[in-house]
Amino acid sequence: MVLRANAGRLRVHQIASAVAVDAVGLAQTFRGPGRFARGDQLVRAALSIASNIAEACGPGTVPEFRQFLRYARGSAHELRSQLAIARAFGGPSNERVIRTLADRTTLVIKMLNHLERHPPPT
């Protein structure tokens, strides 16, 4: 059976997309050595979350849907790691933004876990 879901209607995709937009904004504030590489890795991880959720919603089977959600979850864990590194480099000026992004990324991970256990009907 082919599963079809609409990524735009999934709350987890909406939150992940907003996280990606905010990650781009955060990366633009980076300073110091390696700021471009750090910013690029952070943004790529954030974009990958929303992209993999969208790809999961393409026509496919439930096992394929779950596999793309696992890819998205892996990218979310990578983003949390990049945020921890950004916190170490960023000082107090970005602390609130980083903490908010990390909290929202944790929420995305929890939502992905739930969606993997309970995929949309076929």
PDB file of N, CA and C in Angstrom:
ATOM      1  N   MET A   1       0.822  -1.191   0.000  1.00  0.00           N
ATOM      2  CA  MET A   1       0.000   0.000   0.000  1.00  0.00           C
ATOM      3  C   MET A   1       0.863   1.250   0.000  1.00  0.00           C
ATOM      4  N   VAL A   2       0.440   2.224  -0.756  1.00  0.00           N
ATOM      5  CA  VAL A   2       1.184   3.476  -0.851  1.00  0.00           C
ATOM      6  C   VAL A   2       0.666   4.455   0.199  1.00  0.00           C
ATOM      7  N   LEU A   3       1.589   5.018   0.926  1.00  0.00           N
ATOM      8  CA  LEU A   3       1.245   6.020   1.929  1.00  0.00           C
ATOM      9  C   LEU A   3       1.431   7.396   1.315  1.00  0.00           C
ATOM     10  N   ARG A   4       0.472   8.248   1.503  1.00  0.00           N
ATOM     11  CA  ARG A   4       0.596   9.633   1.044  1.00  0.00           C
ATOM     12  C   ARG A   4       0.236  10.546   2.214  1.00  0.00           C
ATOM     13  N   ALA A   5       1.159  11.401   2.546  1.00  0.00           N
ATOM     14  CA  ALA A   5       0.921  12.375   3.606  1.00  0.00           C
ATOM     15  C   ALA A   5       1.294  13.742   3.052  1.00  0.00           C
ATOM     16  N   ASN A   6       0.747  14.764   3.636  1.00  0.00           N
ATOM     17  CA  ASN A   6       1.023  16.132   3.202  1.00  0.00           C
ATOM     18  C   ASN A   6       1.930  16.782   4.236  1.00  0.00           C
ATOM     19  N   ALA A   7       3.181  16.995   3.871  1.00  0.00           N
ATOM     20  CA  ALA A   7       4.147  17.556   4.813  1.00  0.00           C
ATOM     21  C   ALA A   7       3.690  18.909   5.351  1.00  0.00           C
ATOM     22  N   GLY A   8       3.111  19.722   4.511  1.00  0.00           N
ATOM     23  CA  GLY A   8       2.678  21.049   4.933  1.00  0.00           C
ATOM     24  C   GLY A   8       1.610  21.035   6.013  1.00  0.00           C
ATOM     25  N   ARG A   9       0.906  19.922   6.134  1.00  0.00           N
ATOM     26  CA  ARG A   9      -0.143  19.819   7.144  1.00  0.00           C
ATOM     27  C   ARG A   9       0.348  19.171   8.432  1.00  0.00           C
ATOM     28  N   LEU A  10       1.575  18.665   8.418  1.00  0.00           N
ATOM     29  CA  LEU A  10       2.133  18.043   9.621  1.00  0.00           C
ATOM     30  C   LEU A  10       2.751  19.125  10.511  1.00  0.00           C
ATOM     31  N   ARG A  11       2.332  19.166  11.745  1.00  0.00           N
ATOM     32  CA  ARG A  11       2.838  20.168  12.695  1.00  0.00           C
ATOM     33  C   ARG A  11       4.361  20.049  12.853  1.00  0.00           C
ATOM     34  N   VAL A  12       4.878  18.816  12.844  1.00  0.00           N
ATOM     35  CA  VAL A  12       6.313  18.622  13.010  1.00  0.00           C
ATOM     36  C   VAL A  12       7.086  19.256  11.850  1.00  0.00           C
ATOM     37  N   HIS A  13       6.529  19.214  10.645  1.00  0.00           N
ATOM     38  CA  HIS A  13       7.192  19.842   9.499  1.00  0.00           C
ATOM     39  C   HIS A  13       7.158  21.358   9.630  1.00  0.00           C
ATOM     40  N   GLN A  14       6.068  21.889  10.108  1.00  0.00           N
ATOM     41  CA  GLN A  14       5.951  23.337  10.301  1.00  0.00           C
ATOM     42  C   GLN A  14       6.978  23.827  11.326  1.00  0.00           C
ATOM     43  N   ILE A  15       7.111  23.108  12.426  1.00  0.00           N
ATOM     44  CA  ILE A  15       8.069  23.494  13.463  1.00  0.00           C
ATOM     45  C   ILE A  15       9.495  23.335  12.938  1.00  0.00           C
ATOM     46  N   ALA A  16       9.771  22.225  12.248  1.00  0.00           N
ATOM     47  CA  ALA A  16      11.112  22.003  11.707  1.00  0.00           C
ATOM     48  C   ALA A  16      11.486  23.082  10.694  1.00  0.00           C
ATOM     49  N   SER A  17      10.535  23.513   9.889  1.00  0.00           N
ATOM     50  CA  SER A  17      10.801  24.584   8.921  1.00  0.00           C
ATOM     51  C   SER A  17      11.108  25.896   9.635  1.00  0.00           C
ATOM     52  N   ALA A  18      10.376  26.193  10.692  1.00  0.00           N
ATOM     53  CA  ALA A  18      10.637  27.409  11.465  1.00  0.00           C
ATOM     54  C   ALA A  18      12.004  27.340  12.143  1.00  0.00           C
ATOM     55  N   VAL A  19      12.377  26.174  12.630  1.00  0.00           N
ATOM     56  CA  VAL A  19      13.701  25.986  13.227  1.00  0.00           C
ATOM     57  C   VAL A  19      14.783  26.258  12.179  1.00  0.00           C
ATOM     58  N   ALA A  20      14.578  25.777  10.957  1.00  0.00           N
ATOM     59  CA  ALA A  20      15.558  25.993   9.894  1.00  0.00           C
ATOM     60  C   ALA A  20      15.734  27.483   9.604  1.00  0.00           C
ATOM     61  N   VAL A  21      14.628  28.204   9.539  1.00  0.00           N
ATOM     62  CA  VAL A  21      14.701  29.649   9.287  1.00  0.00           C
ATOM     63  C   VAL A  21      15.473  30.339  10.410  1.00  0.00           C
ATOM     64  N   ASP A  22      15.179  29.970  11.651  1.00  0.00           N
ATOM     65  CA  ASP A  22      15.874  30.589  12.790  1.00  0.00           C
ATOM     66  C   ASP A  22      17.346  30.181  12.838  1.00  0.00           C
ATOM     67  N   ALA A  23      17.656  28.962  12.391  1.00  0.00           N
ATOM     68  CA  ALA A  23      19.052  28.515  12.350  1.00  0.00           C
ATOM     69  C   ALA A  23      19.853  29.351  11.349  1.00  0.00           C
ATOM     70  N   VAL A  24      19.239  29.688  10.219  1.00  0.00           N
ATOM     71  CA  VAL A  24      19.904  30.555   9.241  1.00  0.00           C
ATOM     72  C   VAL A  24      20.209  31.908   9.879  1.00  0.00           C
ATOM     73  N   GLY A  25      19.229  32.448  10.593  1.00  0.00           N
ATOM     74  CA  GLY A  25      19.447  33.733  11.264  1.00  0.00           C
ATOM     75  C   GLY A  25      20.561  33.660  12.291  1.00  0.00           C
ATOM     76  N   LEU A  26      20.606  32.578  13.048  1.00  0.00           N
ATOM     77  CA  LEU A  26      21.665  32.407  14.045  1.00  0.00           C
ATOM     78  C   LEU A  26      23.029  32.305  13.365  1.00  0.00           C
ATOM     79  N   ALA A  27      23.113  31.515  12.302  1.00  0.00           N
ATOM     80  CA  ALA A  27      24.392  31.324  11.609  1.00  0.00           C
ATOM     81  C   ALA A  27      24.943  32.641  11.078  1.00  0.00           C
ATOM     82  N   GLN A  28      24.075  33.553  10.700  1.00  0.00           N
ATOM     83  CA  GLN A  28      24.522  34.843  10.182  1.00  0.00           C
ATOM     84  C   GLN A  28      25.175  35.703  11.256  1.00  0.00           C
ATOM     85  N   THR A  29      24.969  35.365  12.520  1.00  0.00           N
ATOM     86  CA  THR A  29      25.576  36.135  13.609  1.00  0.00           C
ATOM     87  C   THR A  29      26.927  35.588  14.041  1.00  0.00           C
ATOM     88  N   PHE A  30      27.334  34.444  13.512  1.00  0.00           N
ATOM     89  CA  PHE A  30      28.584  33.820  13.949  1.00  0.00           C
ATOM     90  C   PHE A  30      29.773  34.709  13.630  1.00  0.00           C
ATOM     91  N   ARG A  31      30.728  34.693  14.540  1.00  0.00           N
ATOM     92  CA  ARG A  31      31.973  35.450  14.385  1.00  0.00           C
ATOM     93  C   ARG A  31      33.138  34.518  14.695  1.00  0.00           C
ATOM     94  N   GLY A  32      34.307  34.960  14.352  1.00  0.00           N
ATOM     95  CA  GLY A  32      35.514  34.223  14.726  1.00  0.00           C
ATOM     96  C   GLY A  32      35.923  33.186  13.701  1.00  0.00           C
ATOM     97  N   PRO A  33      37.024  32.492  14.010  1.00  0.00           N
ATOM     98  CA  PRO A  33      37.554  31.497  13.080  1.00  0.00           C
ATOM     99  C   PRO A  33      36.553  30.365  12.838  1.00  0.00           C
ATOM    100  N   GLY A  34      36.446  29.973  11.615  1.00  0.00           N
ATOM    101  CA  GLY A  34      35.567  28.864  11.264  1.00  0.00           C
ATOM    102  C   GLY A  34      34.092  29.205  11.257  1.00  0.00           C
ATOM    103  N   ARG A  35      33.766  30.489  11.295  1.00  0.00           N
ATOM    104  CA  ARG A  35      32.344  30.876  11.388  1.00  0.00           C
ATOM    105  C   ARG A  35      31.545  30.410  10.176  1.00  0.00           C
ATOM    106  N   PHE A  36      32.160  30.424   9.001  1.00  0.00           N
ATOM    107  CA  PHE A  36      31.423  30.005   7.808  1.00  0.00           C
ATOM    108  C   PHE A  36      31.178  28.495   7.828  1.00  0.00           C
ATOM    109  N   ALA A  37      32.182  27.740   8.196  1.00  0.00           N
ATOM    110  CA  ALA A  37      32.028  26.277   8.257  1.00  0.00           C
ATOM    111  C   ALA A  37      31.019  25.891   9.342  1.00  0.00           C
ATOM    112  N   ARG A  38      31.123  26.517  10.507  1.00  0.00           N
ATOM    113  CA  ARG A  38      30.175  26.224  11.590  1.00  0.00           C
ATOM    114  C   ARG A  38      28.760  26.602  11.193  1.00  0.00           C
ATOM    115  N   GLY A  39      28.612  27.769  10.593  1.00  0.00           N
ATOM    116  CA  GLY A  39      27.287  28.218  10.172  1.00  0.00           C
ATOM    117  C   GLY A  39      26.702  27.326   9.096  1.00  0.00           C
ATOM    118  N   ASP A  40      27.543  26.929   8.135  1.00  0.00           N
ATOM    119  CA  ASP A  40      27.075  26.069   7.057  1.00  0.00           C
ATOM    120  C   ASP A  40      26.607  24.721   7.602  1.00  0.00           C
ATOM    121  N   GLN A  41      27.367  24.128   8.509  1.00  0.00           N
ATOM    122  CA  GLN A  41      26.995  22.820   9.059  1.00  0.00           C
ATOM    123  C   GLN A  41      25.706  22.915   9.866  1.00  0.00           C
ATOM    124  N   LEU A  42      25.558  23.976  10.633  1.00  0.00           N
ATOM    125  CA  LEU A  42      24.347  24.169  11.427  1.00  0.00           C
ATOM    126  C   LEU A  42      23.125  24.309  10.515  1.00  0.00           C
ATOM    127  N   VAL A  43      23.247  25.124   9.480  1.00  0.00           N
ATOM    128  CA  VAL A  43      22.127  25.348   8.564  1.00  0.00           C
ATOM    129  C   VAL A  43      21.802  24.078   7.794  1.00  0.00           C
ATOM    130  N   ARG A  44      22.821  23.358   7.340  1.00  0.00           N
ATOM    131  CA  ARG A  44      22.563  22.126   6.584  1.00  0.00           C
ATOM    132  C   ARG A  44      21.837  21.091   7.441  1.00  0.00           C
ATOM    133  N   ALA A  45      22.209  20.974   8.695  1.00  0.00           N
ATOM    134  CA  ALA A  45      21.526  20.026   9.582  1.00  0.00           C
ATOM    135  C   ALA A  45      20.073  20.438   9.773  1.00  0.00           C
ATOM    136  N   ALA A  46      19.836  21.728   9.982  1.00  0.00           N
ATOM    137  CA  ALA A  46      18.471  22.223  10.202  1.00  0.00           C
ATOM    138  C   ALA A  46      17.604  22.029   8.959  1.00  0.00           C
ATOM    139  N   LEU A  47      18.160  22.353   7.790  1.00  0.00           N
ATOM    140  CA  LEU A  47      17.397  22.180   6.549  1.00  0.00           C
ATOM    141  C   LEU A  47      17.095  20.705   6.272  1.00  0.00           C
ATOM    142  N   SER A  48      18.001  19.848   6.650  1.00  0.00           N
ATOM    143  CA  SER A  48      17.837  18.421   6.414  1.00  0.00           C
ATOM    144  C   SER A  48      16.653  17.839   7.190  1.00  0.00           C
ATOM    145  N   ILE A  49      16.359  18.386   8.348  1.00  0.00           N
ATOM    146  CA  ILE A  49      15.233  17.884   9.133  1.00  0.00           C
ATOM    147  C   ILE A  49      13.942  18.059   8.345  1.00  0.00           C
ATOM    148  N   ALA A  50      13.659  19.301   7.959  1.00  0.00           N
ATOM    149  CA  ALA A  50      12.421  19.583   7.220  1.00  0.00           C
ATOM    150  C   ALA A  50      12.406  18.865   5.873  1.00  0.00           C
ATOM    151  N   SER A  51      13.548  18.796   5.208  1.00  0.00           N
ATOM    152  CA  SER A  51      13.609  18.143   3.896  1.00  0.00           C
ATOM    153  C   SER A  51      13.299  16.655   3.996  1.00  0.00           C
ATOM    154  N   ASN A  52      13.833  15.993   5.004  1.00  0.00           N
ATOM    155  CA  ASN A  52      13.569  14.561   5.157  1.00  0.00           C
ATOM    156  C   ASN A  52      12.132  14.276   5.566  1.00  0.00           C
ATOM    157  N   ILE A  53      11.532  15.162   6.339  1.00  0.00           N
ATOM    158  CA  ILE A  53      10.110  14.993   6.670  1.00  0.00           C
ATOM    159  C   ILE A  53       9.291  15.108   5.389  1.00  0.00           C
ATOM    160  N   ALA A  54       9.622  16.092   4.561  1.00  0.00           N
ATOM    161  CA  ALA A  54       8.902  16.263   3.295  1.00  0.00           C
ATOM    162  C   ALA A  54       9.093  15.041   2.407  1.00  0.00           C
ATOM    163  N   GLU A  55      10.306  14.527   2.352  1.00  0.00           N
ATOM    164  CA  GLU A  55      10.551  13.354   1.520  1.00  0.00           C
ATOM    165  C   GLU A  55       9.814  12.125   2.053  1.00  0.00           C
ATOM    166  N   ALA A  56       9.661  12.025   3.352  1.00  0.00           N
ATOM    167  CA  ALA A  56       8.902  10.919   3.948  1.00  0.00           C
ATOM    168  C   ALA A  56       7.452  10.941   3.478  1.00  0.00           C
ATOM    169  N   CYS A  57       6.958  12.123   3.186  1.00  0.00           N
ATOM    170  CA  CYS A  57       5.546  12.272   2.816  1.00  0.00           C
ATOM    171  C   CYS A  57       5.278  12.024   1.337  1.00  0.00           C
ATOM    172  N   GLY A  58       6.304  11.760   0.576  1.00  0.00           N
ATOM    173  CA  GLY A  58       6.084  11.420  -0.828  1.00  0.00           C
ATOM    174  C   GLY A  58       5.442  10.048  -0.937  1.00  0.00           C
ATOM    175  N   PRO A  59       4.988   9.706  -2.121  1.00  0.00           N
ATOM    176  CA  PRO A  59       4.368   8.395  -2.257  1.00  0.00           C
ATOM    177  C   PRO A  59       5.374   7.296  -1.947  1.00  0.00           C
ATOM    178  N   GLY A  60       5.022   6.452  -1.043  1.00  0.00           N
ATOM    179  CA  GLY A  60       5.910   5.369  -0.641  1.00  0.00           C
ATOM    180  C   GLY A  60       5.212   4.484   0.369  1.00  0.00           C
ATOM    181  N   THR A  61       5.954   3.562   0.900  1.00  0.00           N
ATOM    182  CA  THR A  61       5.402   2.634   1.876  1.00  0.00           C
ATOM    183  C   THR A  61       5.627   3.156   3.285  1.00  0.00           C
ATOM    184  N   VAL A  62       4.969   2.547   4.228  1.00  0.00           N
ATOM    185  CA  VAL A  62       5.147   2.926   5.628  1.00  0.00           C
ATOM    186  C   VAL A  62       6.604   2.718   6.064  1.00  0.00           C
ATOM    187  N   PRO A  63       7.254   1.594   5.691  1.00  0.00           N
ATOM    188  CA  PRO A  63       8.668   1.459   6.065  1.00  0.00           C
ATOM    189  C   PRO A  63       9.548   2.574   5.489  1.00  0.00           C
ATOM    190  N   GLU A  64       9.278   3.014   4.261  1.00  0.00           N
ATOM    191  CA  GLU A  64      10.046   4.123   3.684  1.00  0.00           C
ATOM    192  C   GLU A  64       9.762   5.420   4.445  1.00  0.00           C
ATOM    193  N   PHE A  65       8.510   5.643   4.796  1.00  0.00           N
ATOM    194  CA  PHE A  65       8.116   6.815   5.584  1.00  0.00           C
ATOM    195  C   PHE A  65       8.918   6.850   6.884  1.00  0.00           C
ATOM    196  N   ARG A  66       8.954   5.721   7.554  1.00  0.00           N
ATOM    197  CA  ARG A  66       9.667   5.647   8.831  1.00  0.00           C
ATOM    198  C   ARG A  66      11.168   5.863   8.643  1.00  0.00           C
ATOM    199  N   GLN A  67      11.727   5.357   7.556  1.00  0.00           N
ATOM    200  CA  GLN A  67      13.163   5.530   7.318  1.00  0.00           C
ATOM    201  C   GLN A  67      13.514   7.007   7.155  1.00  0.00           C
ATOM    202  N   PHE A  68      12.722   7.751   6.402  1.00  0.00           N
ATOM    203  CA  PHE A  68      13.007   9.178   6.237  1.00  0.00           C
ATOM    204  C   PHE A  68      12.805   9.942   7.545  1.00  0.00           C
ATOM    205  N   LEU A  69      11.871   9.504   8.373  1.00  0.00           N
ATOM    206  CA  LEU A  69      11.724  10.130   9.692  1.00  0.00           C
ATOM    207  C   LEU A  69      12.963   9.872  10.543  1.00  0.00           C
ATOM    208  N   ARG A  70      13.556   8.683  10.407  1.00  0.00           N
ATOM    209  CA  ARG A  70      14.792   8.401  11.147  1.00  0.00           C
ATOM    210  C   ARG A  70      15.929   9.293  10.640  1.00  0.00           C
ATOM    211  N   TYR A  71      15.984   9.524   9.324  1.00  0.00           N
ATOM    212  CA  TYR A  71      16.987  10.456   8.796  1.00  0.00           C
ATOM    213  C   TYR A  71      16.767  11.859   9.385  1.00  0.00           C
ATOM    214  N   ALA A  72      15.518  12.284   9.427  1.00  0.00           N
ATOM    215  CA  ALA A  72      15.199  13.605   9.984  1.00  0.00           C
ATOM    216  C   ALA A  72      15.616  13.671  11.450  1.00  0.00           C
ATOM    217  N   ARG A  73      15.349  12.604  12.191  1.00  0.00           N
ATOM    218  CA  ARG A  73      15.716  12.580  13.610  1.00  0.00           C
ATOM    219  C   ARG A  73      17.234  12.644  13.764  1.00  0.00           C
ATOM    220  N   GLY A  74      17.976  11.939  12.910  1.00  0.00           N
ATOM    221  CA  GLY A  74      19.432  12.015  12.959  1.00  0.00           C
ATOM    222  C   GLY A  74      19.930  13.430  12.705  1.00  0.00           C
ATOM    223  N   SER A  75      19.316  14.110  11.755  1.00  0.00           N
ATOM    224  CA  SER A  75      19.688  15.504  11.484  1.00  0.00           C
ATOM    225  C   SER A  75      19.344  16.405  12.663  1.00  0.00           C
ATOM    226  N   ALA A  76      18.252  16.110  13.345  1.00  0.00           N
ATOM    227  CA  ALA A  76      17.876  16.903  14.527  1.00  0.00           C
ATOM    228  C   ALA A  76      18.907  16.721  15.639  1.00  0.00           C
ATOM    229  N   HIS A  77      19.389  15.513  15.817  1.00  0.00           N
ATOM    230  CA  HIS A  77      20.440  15.294  16.824  1.00  0.00           C
ATOM    231  C   HIS A  77      21.729  16.006  16.412  1.00  0.00           C
ATOM    232  N   GLU A  78      22.031  15.988  15.120  1.00  0.00           N
ATOM    233  CA  GLU A  78      23.191  16.723  14.636  1.00  0.00           C
ATOM    234  C   GLU A  78      23.029  18.217  14.902  1.00  0.00           C
ATOM    235  N   LEU A  79      21.838  18.745  14.676  1.00  0.00           N
ATOM    236  CA  LEU A  79      21.594  20.168  14.928  1.00  0.00           C
ATOM    237  C   LEU A  79      21.804  20.492  16.398  1.00  0.00           C
ATOM    238  N   ARG A  80      21.319  19.636  17.293  1.00  0.00           N
ATOM    239  CA  ARG A  80      21.538  19.895  18.731  1.00  0.00           C
ATOM    240  C   ARG A  80      23.022  19.924  19.056  1.00  0.00           C
ATOM    241  N   SER A  81      23.798  19.057  18.433  1.00  0.00           N
ATOM    242  CA  SER A  81      25.244  19.052  18.639  1.00  0.00           C
ATOM    243  C   SER A  81      25.867  20.349  18.131  1.00  0.00           C
ATOM    244  N   GLN A  82      25.449  20.794  16.956  1.00  0.00           N
ATOM    245  CA  GLN A  82      25.968  22.045  16.395  1.00  0.00           C
ATOM    246  C   GLN A  82      25.588  23.247  17.262  1.00  0.00           C
ATOM    247  N   LEU A  83      24.398  23.191  17.851  1.00  0.00           N
ATOM    248  CA  LEU A  83      23.982  24.279  18.745  1.00  0.00           C
ATOM    249  C   LEU A  83      24.838  24.318  20.007  1.00  0.00           C
ATOM    250  N   ALA A  84      25.215  23.150  20.511  1.00  0.00           N
ATOM    251  CA  ALA A  84      26.098  23.113  21.686  1.00  0.00           C
ATOM    252  C   ALA A  84      27.458  23.718  21.347  1.00  0.00           C
ATOM    253  N   ILE A  85      27.954  23.431  20.153  1.00  0.00           N
ATOM    254  CA  ILE A  85      29.225  24.023  19.721  1.00  0.00           C
ATOM    255  C   ILE A  85      29.069  25.535  19.556  1.00  0.00           C
ATOM    256  N   ALA A  86      27.959  25.963  18.987  1.00  0.00           N
ATOM    257  CA  ALA A  86      27.708  27.402  18.812  1.00  0.00           C
ATOM    258  C   ALA A  86      27.648  28.099  20.167  1.00  0.00           C
ATOM    259  N   ARG A  87      27.076  27.427  21.143  1.00  0.00           N
ATOM    260  CA  ARG A  87      27.004  28.006  22.495  1.00  0.00           C
ATOM    261  C   ARG A  87      28.408  28.227  23.039  1.00  0.00           C
ATOM    262  N   ALA A  88      29.301  27.279  22.808  1.00  0.00           N
ATOM    263  CA  ALA A  88      30.677  27.396  23.302  1.00  0.00           C
ATOM    264  C   ALA A  88      31.423  28.558  22.636  1.00  0.00           C
ATOM    265  N   PHE A  89      31.130  28.821  21.370  1.00  0.00           N
ATOM    266  CA  PHE A  89      31.794  29.901  20.646  1.00  0.00           C
ATOM    267  C   PHE A  89      31.089  31.242  20.789  1.00  0.00           C
ATOM    268  N   GLY A  90      29.781  31.210  21.068  1.00  0.00           N
ATOM    269  CA  GLY A  90      28.976  32.405  20.920  1.00  0.00           C
ATOM    270  C   GLY A  90      28.951  33.379  22.064  1.00  0.00           C
ATOM    271  N   GLY A  91      29.223  32.946  23.254  1.00  0.00           N
ATOM    272  CA  GLY A  91      29.115  33.862  24.381  1.00  0.00           C
ATOM    273  C   GLY A  91      27.665  34.120  24.736  1.00  0.00           C
ATOM    274  N   PRO A  92      27.440  35.043  25.633  1.00  0.00           N
ATOM    275  CA  PRO A  92      26.081  35.264  26.156  1.00  0.00           C
ATOM    276  C   PRO A  92      25.115  35.932  25.181  1.00  0.00           C
ATOM    277  N   SER A  93      25.611  36.555  24.119  1.00  0.00           N
ATOM    278  CA  SER A  93      24.722  37.308  23.227  1.00  0.00           C
ATOM    279  C   SER A  93      23.724  36.411  22.495  1.00  0.00           C
ATOM    280  N   ASN A  94      24.098  35.190  22.166  1.00  0.00           N
ATOM    281  CA  ASN A  94      23.214  34.278  21.442  1.00  0.00           C
ATOM    282  C   ASN A  94      22.618  33.196  22.334  1.00  0.00           C
ATOM    283  N   GLU A  95      22.874  33.239  23.611  1.00  0.00           N
ATOM    284  CA  GLU A  95      22.465  32.166  24.514  1.00  0.00           C
ATOM    285  C   GLU A  95      20.966  31.893  24.450  1.00  0.00           C
ATOM    286  N   ARG A  96      20.155  32.921  24.478  1.00  0.00           N
ATOM    287  CA  ARG A  96      18.700  32.726  24.474  1.00  0.00           C
ATOM    288  C   ARG A  96      18.227  32.100  23.169  1.00  0.00           C
ATOM    289  N   VAL A  97      18.753  32.585  22.060  1.00  0.00           N
ATOM    290  CA  VAL A  97      18.377  32.053  20.752  1.00  0.00           C
ATOM    291  C   VAL A  97      18.785  30.586  20.640  1.00  0.00           C
ATOM    292  N   ILE A  98      19.993  30.270  21.067  1.00  0.00           N
ATOM    293  CA  ILE A  98      20.485  28.891  20.997  1.00  0.00           C
ATOM    294  C   ILE A  98      19.643  27.983  21.885  1.00  0.00           C
ATOM    295  N   ARG A  99      19.338  28.426  23.081  1.00  0.00           N
ATOM    296  CA  ARG A  99      18.529  27.612  23.998  1.00  0.00           C
ATOM    297  C   ARG A  99      17.138  27.369  23.420  1.00  0.00           C
ATOM    298  N   THR A 100      16.539  28.391  22.842  1.00  0.00           N
ATOM    299  CA  THR A 100      15.212  28.237  22.234  1.00  0.00           C
ATOM    300  C   THR A 100      15.259  27.265  21.054  1.00  0.00           C
ATOM    301  N   LEU A 101      16.274  27.394  20.213  1.00  0.00           N
ATOM    302  CA  LEU A 101      16.416  26.472  19.075  1.00  0.00           C
ATOM    303  C   LEU A 101      16.636  25.040  19.557  1.00  0.00           C
ATOM    304  N   ALA A 102      17.450  24.869  20.584  1.00  0.00           N
ATOM    305  CA  ALA A 102      17.696  23.521  21.119  1.00  0.00           C
ATOM    306  C   ALA A 102      16.406  22.929  21.685  1.00  0.00           C
ATOM    307  N   ASP A 103      15.624  23.733  22.393  1.00  0.00           N
ATOM    308  CA  ASP A 103      14.355  23.247  22.956  1.00  0.00           C
ATOM    309  C   ASP A 103      13.373  22.860  21.854  1.00  0.00           C
ATOM    310  N   ARG A 104      13.287  23.676  20.823  1.00  0.00           N
ATOM    311  CA  ARG A 104      12.376  23.366  19.715  1.00  0.00           C
ATOM    312  C   ARG A 104      12.855  22.144  18.936  1.00  0.00           C
ATOM    313  N   THR A 105      14.159  21.955  18.837  1.00  0.00           N
ATOM    314  CA  THR A 105      14.693  20.774  18.173  1.00  0.00           C
ATOM    315  C   THR A 105      14.376  19.515  18.981  1.00  0.00           C
ATOM    316  N   THR A 106      14.451  19.610  20.288  1.00  0.00           N
ATOM    317  CA  THR A 106      14.062  18.478  21.138  1.00  0.00           C
ATOM    318  C   THR A 106      12.590  18.150  20.939  1.00  0.00           C
ATOM    319  N   LEU A 107      11.755  19.158  20.819  1.00  0.00           N
ATOM    320  CA  LEU A 107      10.336  18.937  20.545  1.00  0.00           C
ATOM    321  C   LEU A 107      10.150  18.221  19.207  1.00  0.00           C
ATOM    322  N   VAL A 108      10.887  18.627  18.194  1.00  0.00           N
ATOM    323  CA  VAL A 108      10.808  17.980  16.884  1.00  0.00           C
ATOM    324  C   VAL A 108      11.191  16.500  17.014  1.00  0.00           C
ATOM    325  N   ILE A 109      12.238  16.206  17.759  1.00  0.00           N
ATOM    326  CA  ILE A 109      12.658  14.809  17.948  1.00  0.00           C
ATOM    327  C   ILE A 109      11.539  13.999  18.586  1.00  0.00           C
ATOM    328  N   LYS A 110      10.910  14.544  19.600  1.00  0.00           N
ATOM    329  CA  LYS A 110       9.800  13.841  20.264  1.00  0.00           C
ATOM    330  C   LYS A 110       8.634  13.631  19.307  1.00  0.00           C
ATOM    331  N   MET A 111       8.341  14.643  18.497  1.00  0.00           N
ATOM    332  CA  MET A 111       7.245  14.523  17.537  1.00  0.00           C
ATOM    333  C   MET A 111       7.574  13.499  16.453  1.00  0.00           C
ATOM    334  N   LEU A 112       8.823  13.452  16.025  1.00  0.00           N
ATOM    335  CA  LEU A 112       9.234  12.457  15.030  1.00  0.00           C
ATOM    336  C   LEU A 112       9.122  11.043  15.600  1.00  0.00           C
ATOM    337  N   ASN A 113       9.505  10.879  16.857  1.00  0.00           N
ATOM    338  CA  ASN A 113       9.369   9.573  17.505  1.00  0.00           C
ATOM    339  C   ASN A 113       7.911   9.125  17.506  1.00  0.00           C
ATOM    340  N   HIS A 114       7.018  10.035  17.844  1.00  0.00           N
ATOM    341  CA  HIS A 114       5.589   9.705  17.889  1.00  0.00           C
ATOM    342  C   HIS A 114       5.065   9.383  16.490  1.00  0.00           C
ATOM    343  N   LEU A 115       5.449  10.187  15.515  1.00  0.00           N
ATOM    344  CA  LEU A 115       4.973   9.983  14.144  1.00  0.00           C
ATOM    345  C   LEU A 115       5.513   8.668  13.563  1.00  0.00           C
ATOM    346  N   GLU A 116       6.724   8.308  13.946  1.00  0.00           N
ATOM    347  CA  GLU A 116       7.271   7.032  13.461  1.00  0.00           C
ATOM    348  C   GLU A 116       6.464   5.856  14.019  1.00  0.00           C
ATOM    349  N   ARG A 117       6.068   5.961  15.285  1.00  0.00           N
ATOM    350  CA  ARG A 117       5.258   4.894  15.898  1.00  0.00           C
ATOM    351  C   ARG A 117       3.829   4.881  15.367  1.00  0.00           C
ATOM    352  N   HIS A 118       3.317   6.050  14.992  1.00  0.00           N
ATOM    353  CA  HIS A 118       1.924   6.196  14.551  1.00  0.00           C
ATOM    354  C   HIS A 118       1.861   6.954  13.227  1.00  0.00           C
ATOM    355  N   PRO A 119       2.232   6.299  12.117  1.00  0.00           N
ATOM    356  CA  PRO A 119       2.212   6.993  10.817  1.00  0.00           C
ATOM    357  C   PRO A 119       0.787   7.284  10.378  1.00  0.00           C
ATOM    358  N   PRO A 120       0.627   8.235   9.458  1.00  0.00           N
ATOM    359  CA  PRO A 120      -0.706   8.533   8.941  1.00  0.00           C
ATOM    360  C   PRO A 120      -1.296   7.290   8.246  1.00  0.00           C
ATOM    361  N   PRO A 121      -2.597   7.216   8.155  1.00  0.00           N
ATOM    362  CA  PRO A 121      -3.200   6.045   7.491  1.00  0.00           C
ATOM    363  C   PRO A 121      -2.849   6.034   5.999  1.00  0.00           C
ATOM    364  N   THR A 122      -2.827   4.824   5.439  1.00  0.00           N
ATOM    365  CA  THR A 122      -2.518   4.674   4.017  1.00  0.00           C
ATOM    366  C   THR A 122      -3.784   4.904   3.200  1.00  0.00           C
TER     367      THR A 122
END
